[in-house]
């Protein structure tokens, strides 16, 4: 074979070098880039996008004659210590601050009187800014009629319709201002001075705030409708104490802790029934006993959990014994 000339040897060496560089890119650089993309995609497979599923306001509306109307489960449960009768929330669109759009459902409950009128349908008439107390015995998402079907007669002439057209959004303070009104004459007499007025009266919004974020990831766990349970002197029997929970924007829930008293394992996201109970006898050495429900947040895969405590004797969660009325507050972790 003839010897390669100098310029031919240079071209040949250059070709070999280029080939090696290309192979290095194919086997090292490119797979690394592909692996990075695949990992990013797989990490987001189970995550949801927050789209306002829980409403953007929280707290409660003060009514002049009937007491608070709660705007979400958390506000109701924190104020009353009861499990919410159903998942609910209220949304207000503030795109046009002078022309608010209401939707969702609130729940009326007066802790002082220990009574409730029931749900309030904030989607009743969004065009005219009207909301309405739902007819007793019906769900807030059922059609509950209007005055043309004589449903106004069920409360002695009170329609349960509230006008929120005077309520506006203040951008500077991020608050709702103005008053709603729900007040009607009964129609029992032509003389206004002698006629009776019925309804919930004025609605004010001092205890309403905007949620941040609008889609919280949360779990509330209760035992016998409370966040802690004191059984008296040790040893003490749990006597089938009922464990219930509500949650929002979570998945993959598991029960943990106190395995001798309830069965640990996978749990549904919601349980407001009575099919999960704690049984057994609690000794002072095991008091306070902690039950935990741990879930995974839908939006960021964070751990979201809540715990309740059962105690006897002097070993309460706060060490205060039988006279300690301090409740262990639910733990809420938001994204």
Protein backbone atom coordinates (compact mmCIF):
# COMPACT_ATOMS: atom_id res chain seq x y z
CA UNK A 1 0.00 0.00 0.00
CA UNK A 2 1.28 3.39 -0.89
CA UNK A 3 2.19 5.78 1.90
CA UNK A 4 -0.31 8.60 2.47
CA UNK A 5 0.84 12.03 1.65
CA UNK A 6 1.06 14.61 4.40
CA UNK A 7 -2.19 16.38 3.53
CA UNK A 8 -4.01 13.03 3.22
CA UNK A 9 -2.78 12.01 6.68
CA UNK A 10 -4.11 15.31 8.05
CA UNK A 11 -7.57 14.75 6.50
CA UNK A 12 -7.68 11.17 7.82
CA UNK A 13 -6.76 12.23 11.39
CA UNK A 14 -9.33 14.99 11.30
CA UNK A 15 -12.06 12.53 10.25
CA UNK A 16 -11.16 10.12 13.08
CA UNK A 17 -11.26 12.97 15.64
CA UNK A 18 -14.67 14.13 14.39
CA UNK A 19 -16.02 10.61 14.62
CA UNK A 20 -14.87 10.25 18.22
CA UNK A 21 -16.46 13.56 19.16
CA UNK A 22 -19.70 12.45 17.55
CA UNK A 23 -19.67 9.15 19.40
CA UNK A 24 -19.04 11.00 22.69
CA UNK A 25 -22.09 13.18 22.03
CA UNK A 26 -24.29 10.21 21.12
CA UNK A 27 -23.36 7.99 24.05
CA UNK A 28 -22.79 10.57 26.77
CA UNK A 29 -24.43 13.90 26.14
CA UNK A 30 -27.64 12.91 24.38
CA UNK A 31 -28.72 10.14 26.81
CA UNK A 32 -28.15 12.52 29.71
CA UNK A 33 -30.50 15.09 28.16
CA UNK A 34 -33.17 12.48 27.44
CA UNK A 35 -32.96 11.11 30.97
CA UNK A 36 -33.46 14.60 32.42
CA UNK A 37 -36.60 15.19 30.34
CA UNK A 38 -38.09 11.82 31.22
CA UNK A 39 -37.52 12.34 34.95
CA UNK A 40 -39.22 15.71 34.85
CA UNK A 41 -42.25 14.32 33.03
CA UNK A 42 -42.65 11.29 35.31
CA UNK A 43 -42.45 13.47 38.41
CA UNK A 44 -45.54 15.44 37.33
CA UNK A 45 -47.69 12.53 36.19
CA UNK A 46 -49.87 12.39 39.32
CA UNK A 47 -50.02 16.09 40.09
CA UNK A 48 -53.05 18.26 39.43
CA UNK A 49 -53.27 21.91 38.55
CA UNK A 50 -54.90 24.18 41.11
CA UNK A 51 -58.03 25.58 39.46
CA UNK A 52 -59.90 27.13 42.39
CA UNK A 53 -61.71 23.97 43.45
CA UNK A 54 -61.97 25.15 47.04
CA UNK A 55 -63.14 28.73 46.63
CA UNK A 56 -61.12 31.89 47.06
CA UNK A 57 -62.66 33.30 50.27
CA UNK A 58 -62.76 31.98 53.81
CA UNK A 59 -64.24 32.97 57.16
CA UNK A 60 -67.87 33.85 57.76
CA UNK A 61 -70.46 36.48 56.96
CA UNK A 62 -72.25 38.11 59.88
CA UNK A 63 -76.03 38.23 59.54
CA UNK A 64 -78.04 40.59 61.66
CA UNK A 65 -80.71 38.14 62.83
CA UNK A 66 -79.45 34.61 62.29
CA UNK A 67 -75.76 34.47 63.11
CA UNK A 68 -72.80 33.42 60.94
CA UNK A 69 -72.86 32.02 57.41
CA UNK A 70 -69.62 30.06 57.00
CA UNK A 71 -67.89 30.14 53.62
CA UNK A 72 -65.87 26.91 53.74
CA UNK A 73 -65.46 23.73 55.75
CA UNK A 74 -62.36 24.91 57.62
CA UNK A 75 -64.02 28.05 58.98
CA UNK A 76 -67.08 26.09 60.10
CA UNK A 77 -65.10 23.28 61.72
CA UNK A 78 -62.64 25.59 63.48
CA UNK A 79 -65.45 27.72 64.91
CA UNK A 80 -67.83 24.96 65.98
CA UNK A 81 -65.68 21.88 66.54
CA UNK A 82 -68.16 19.86 64.45
CA UNK A 83 -67.51 17.90 61.27
CA UNK A 84 -68.92 19.73 58.27
CA UNK A 85 -72.20 18.18 57.07
CA UNK A 86 -70.90 18.23 53.50
CA UNK A 87 -68.01 19.63 51.53
CA UNK A 88 -68.75 23.25 50.60
CA UNK A 89 -67.06 26.47 49.54
CA UNK A 90 -67.85 29.92 48.13
CA UNK A 91 -66.17 31.63 45.18
CA UNK A 92 -66.39 35.31 44.27
CA UNK A 93 -65.15 36.64 40.93
CA UNK A 94 -63.64 40.10 41.48
CA UNK A 95 -62.68 40.75 37.85
CA UNK A 96 -65.15 43.66 37.88
CA UNK A 97 -64.92 45.02 41.47
CA UNK A 98 -68.29 46.75 41.21
CA UNK A 99 -70.09 43.79 39.67
CA UNK A 100 -69.14 40.70 41.67
CA UNK A 101 -70.03 37.17 40.56
CA UNK A 102 -70.89 34.74 43.38
CA UNK A 103 -70.96 30.93 43.23
CA UNK A 104 -70.78 27.87 45.46
CA UNK A 105 -72.48 27.27 48.80
CA UNK A 106 -72.13 28.49 52.37
CA UNK A 107 -73.52 27.00 55.55
CA UNK A 108 -75.43 28.79 58.30
CA UNK A 109 -74.88 27.77 61.90
CA UNK A 110 -75.35 29.85 65.04
CA UNK A 111 -73.08 28.44 67.80
CA UNK A 112 -74.80 30.54 70.46
CA UNK A 113 -78.21 29.08 69.66
CA UNK A 114 -76.83 25.69 68.53
CA UNK A 115 -79.10 25.72 65.50
CA UNK A 116 -78.85 25.99 61.74
CA UNK A 117 -81.09 27.13 58.91
CA UNK A 118 -78.88 25.11 56.53
CA UNK A 119 -77.02 25.77 53.31
CA UNK A 120 -76.96 29.04 51.42
CA UNK A 121 -76.87 28.78 47.62
CA UNK A 122 -74.50 31.47 46.31
CA UNK A 123 -75.14 30.30 42.71
CA UNK A 124 -78.87 31.05 42.98
CA UNK A 125 -78.98 34.19 40.77
CA UNK A 126 -75.48 35.48 39.91
CA UNK A 127 -76.77 37.95 37.32
CA UNK A 128 -78.77 39.92 39.89
CA UNK A 129 -76.37 39.16 42.76
CA UNK A 130 -78.96 37.16 44.70
CA UNK A 131 -78.18 34.25 47.03
CA UNK A 132 -80.69 32.11 48.85
CA UNK A 133 -81.13 29.97 51.92
CA UNK A 134 -81.84 26.48 50.62
CA UNK A 135 -85.15 24.89 51.43
CA UNK A 136 -84.77 22.72 54.56
CA UNK A 137 -84.23 19.06 53.81
CA UNK A 138 -82.75 19.71 50.36
CA UNK A 139 -79.14 19.73 49.25
CA UNK A 140 -77.67 23.05 48.14
CA UNK A 141 -77.07 21.72 44.64
CA UNK A 142 -80.71 20.68 44.17
CA UNK A 143 -83.21 22.96 42.44
CA UNK A 144 -85.06 24.60 45.31
CA UNK A 145 -87.69 26.50 43.36
CA UNK A 146 -88.56 30.18 43.44
CA UNK A 147 -91.44 32.31 44.70
CA UNK A 148 -93.57 31.49 41.66
CA UNK A 149 -93.89 27.91 42.92
CA UNK A 150 -95.06 29.07 46.37
CA UNK A 151 -91.82 27.96 48.00
CA UNK A 152 -91.72 31.40 49.64
CA UNK A 153 -94.52 30.27 51.93
CA UNK A 154 -92.40 27.73 53.76
CA UNK A 155 -90.96 30.34 56.15
CA UNK A 156 -94.07 32.38 56.83
CA UNK A 157 -93.60 34.62 53.81
CA UNK A 158 -89.81 34.84 54.03
CA UNK A 159 -88.27 33.89 50.67
CA UNK A 160 -84.77 33.43 52.07
CA UNK A 161 -83.38 35.51 49.19
CA UNK A 162 -80.50 37.88 49.99
CA UNK A 163 -79.46 40.82 47.79
CA UNK A 164 -75.67 41.26 47.57
CA UNK A 165 -75.67 43.83 44.77
CA UNK A 166 -74.31 46.54 47.10
CA UNK A 167 -71.24 44.48 48.02
CA UNK A 168 -68.08 45.54 46.17
CA UNK A 169 -64.41 44.56 46.08
CA UNK A 170 -61.80 47.03 47.34
CA UNK A 171 -58.55 46.41 45.44
CA UNK A 172 -56.46 48.54 47.79
CA UNK A 173 -57.38 46.57 50.92
CA UNK A 174 -58.22 43.23 49.25
CA UNK A 175 -61.53 43.15 51.14
CA UNK A 176 -65.27 43.02 50.47
CA UNK A 177 -67.11 46.22 51.42
CA UNK A 178 -70.76 47.16 51.60
CA UNK A 179 -73.76 45.29 53.01
CA UNK A 180 -76.12 42.62 51.82
CA UNK A 181 -79.79 42.85 52.76
CA UNK A 182 -82.44 40.22 53.45
CA UNK A 183 -85.53 41.78 54.99
CA UNK A 184 -89.14 41.47 53.88
CA UNK A 185 -92.57 42.43 55.14
CA UNK A 186 -94.73 39.44 55.97
CA UNK A 187 -97.67 40.96 54.14
CA UNK A 188 -99.96 40.35 57.09
CA UNK A 189 -101.19 43.93 57.33
CA UNK A 190 -101.49 46.94 55.03
CA UNK A 191 -100.05 49.22 57.70
CA UNK A 192 -96.24 49.09 57.48
CA UNK A 193 -95.94 50.21 61.10
CA UNK A 194 -97.90 47.17 62.22
CA UNK A 195 -96.60 44.67 59.69
CA UNK A 196 -93.76 42.34 60.69
CA UNK A 197 -90.40 42.17 58.98
CA UNK A 198 -88.77 38.76 58.53
CA UNK A 199 -85.40 37.61 57.20
CA UNK A 200 -81.75 37.44 58.18
CA UNK A 201 -81.35 41.23 58.03
CA UNK A 202 -78.09 42.97 57.10
CA UNK A 203 -75.06 40.98 55.97
CA UNK A 204 -71.57 42.33 56.78
CA UNK A 205 -68.16 41.06 55.68
CA UNK A 206 -65.63 42.04 58.36
CA UNK A 207 -64.75 38.40 59.04
CA UNK A 208 -64.26 37.42 55.39
CA UNK A 209 -60.77 37.15 53.89
CA UNK A 210 -59.29 35.93 50.63
CA UNK A 211 -57.50 32.59 50.71
CA UNK A 212 -53.89 32.27 49.65
CA UNK A 213 -53.48 29.86 48.02
CA UNK A 214 -56.96 29.45 46.60
CA UNK A 215 -56.61 25.65 46.60
CA UNK A 216 -55.41 24.47 50.03
CA UNK A 217 -54.26 20.91 50.60
CA UNK A 218 -55.73 19.91 53.94
CA UNK A 219 -56.91 17.07 56.17
CA UNK A 220 -59.09 17.31 59.31
CA UNK A 221 -59.21 14.25 61.57
CA UNK A 222 -61.75 13.96 64.42
CA UNK A 223 -62.51 11.48 67.18
CA UNK A 224 -66.10 11.55 68.47
CA UNK A 225 -66.48 14.87 66.57
CA UNK A 226 -63.58 16.44 68.51
CA UNK A 227 -59.86 17.00 68.01
CA UNK A 228 -59.02 15.35 71.37
CA UNK A 229 -60.77 12.98 73.75
CA UNK A 230 -60.33 12.63 77.52
CA UNK A 231 -61.54 9.34 79.02
CA UNK A 232 -61.17 10.01 82.76
CA UNK A 233 -59.24 7.76 85.10
CA UNK A 234 -56.92 5.07 83.75
CA UNK A 235 -57.37 2.37 82.64
CA UNK A 236 -60.22 3.49 80.37
CA UNK A 237 -62.03 1.86 77.47
CA UNK A 238 -62.38 3.64 74.15
CA UNK A 239 -65.84 2.08 73.63
CA UNK A 240 -65.79 2.22 69.82
CA UNK A 241 -64.80 5.89 69.56
CA UNK A 242 -65.70 7.12 66.08
CA UNK A 243 -62.91 8.38 63.82
CA UNK A 244 -63.95 10.67 60.98
CA UNK A 245 -62.11 12.93 58.57
CA UNK A 246 -62.58 15.42 55.79
CA UNK A 247 -59.96 16.43 53.25
CA UNK A 248 -59.38 18.53 50.20
CA UNK A 249 -56.97 18.22 47.28
CA UNK A 250 -55.14 15.17 48.63
CA UNK A 251 -54.72 11.50 47.70
CA UNK A 252 -52.95 8.36 48.90
CA UNK A 253 -54.22 8.64 52.49
CA UNK A 254 -53.01 6.19 55.16
CA UNK A 255 -53.81 5.83 58.86
CA UNK A 256 -50.80 5.68 61.17
CA UNK A 257 -50.06 5.26 64.86
CA UNK A 258 -52.01 3.61 67.69
CA UNK A 259 -52.08 0.39 65.69
CA UNK A 260 -53.39 -1.62 68.66
CA UNK A 261 -56.51 0.55 68.74
CA UNK A 262 -57.40 0.89 65.07
CA UNK A 263 -56.29 -0.83 61.89
CA UNK A 264 -53.53 1.05 60.08
CA UNK A 265 -53.43 1.12 56.32
CA UNK A 266 -54.85 2.80 53.24
CA UNK A 267 -57.90 4.99 53.77
CA UNK A 268 -60.33 6.83 51.49
CA UNK A 269 -59.88 10.57 51.14
CA UNK A 270 -63.17 11.31 52.89
CA UNK A 271 -64.98 9.58 55.74
CA UNK A 272 -67.85 11.31 57.51
CA UNK A 273 -69.57 8.02 58.33
CA UNK A 274 -69.18 5.83 61.39
CA UNK A 275 -67.51 2.74 59.91
CA UNK A 276 -64.05 3.44 61.40
CA UNK A 277 -63.79 3.10 65.18
CA UNK A 278 -61.09 2.81 67.84
CA UNK A 279 -61.44 0.07 70.44
CA UNK A 280 -59.45 -1.27 73.38
CA UNK A 281 -58.39 -0.22 76.85
CA UNK A 282 -56.02 2.68 77.40
CA UNK A 283 -53.40 2.51 80.17
CA UNK A 284 -51.68 5.54 81.67
CA UNK A 285 -48.38 4.41 80.12
CA UNK A 286 -49.92 4.77 76.64
CA UNK A 287 -51.56 8.13 77.34
CA UNK A 288 -51.79 10.39 75.41
CA UNK A 289 -52.50 8.17 72.41
CA UNK A 290 -52.03 9.67 68.95
CA UNK A 291 -54.02 8.75 65.82
CA UNK A 292 -52.73 10.18 62.53
CA UNK A 293 -54.08 10.37 59.00
CA UNK A 294 -51.36 11.14 56.46
CA UNK A 295 -52.04 12.03 52.81
CA UNK A 296 -50.20 13.39 49.78
CA UNK A 297 -51.02 16.82 48.33
CA UNK A 298 -52.45 16.82 44.82
CA UNK A 299 -50.49 19.86 43.67
CA UNK A 300 -46.96 19.41 45.02
CA UNK A 301 -46.80 15.85 46.44
CA UNK A 302 -46.13 17.24 49.93
CA UNK A 303 -47.12 15.39 53.11
CA UNK A 304 -50.47 16.59 54.48
CA UNK A 305 -51.56 15.13 57.82
CA UNK A 306 -53.64 15.67 60.92
CA UNK A 307 -53.70 13.96 64.33
CA UNK A 308 -56.11 13.49 67.21
CA UNK A 309 -55.28 12.48 70.78
CA UNK A 310 -56.94 10.25 73.35
CA UNK A 311 -55.85 10.44 76.98
CA UNK A 312 -56.71 9.25 80.47
CA UNK A 313 -55.53 10.05 84.00
CA UNK A 314 -53.12 12.96 84.23
CA UNK A 315 -51.34 12.41 80.93
CA UNK A 316 -53.38 14.66 78.67
CA UNK A 317 -51.63 16.17 75.64
CA UNK A 318 -51.11 19.36 77.66
CA UNK A 319 -50.47 17.69 81.03
CA UNK A 320 -53.44 19.39 82.63
CA UNK A 321 -55.41 16.37 83.80
CA UNK A 322 -59.16 16.09 83.90
CA UNK A 323 -59.81 19.83 84.19
CA UNK A 324 -57.72 20.73 81.16
CA UNK A 325 -60.19 21.97 78.53
CA UNK A 326 -57.52 22.96 75.99
CA UNK A 327 -58.17 21.27 72.67
CA UNK A 328 -55.44 20.04 70.38
CA UNK A 329 -56.01 22.06 67.23
CA UNK A 330 -56.04 20.35 63.82
CA UNK A 331 -52.85 20.57 61.80
CA UNK A 332 -53.36 22.16 58.38
CA UNK A 333 -50.59 22.14 55.80
CA UNK A 334 -51.20 24.24 52.71
CA UNK A 335 -49.24 24.34 49.49
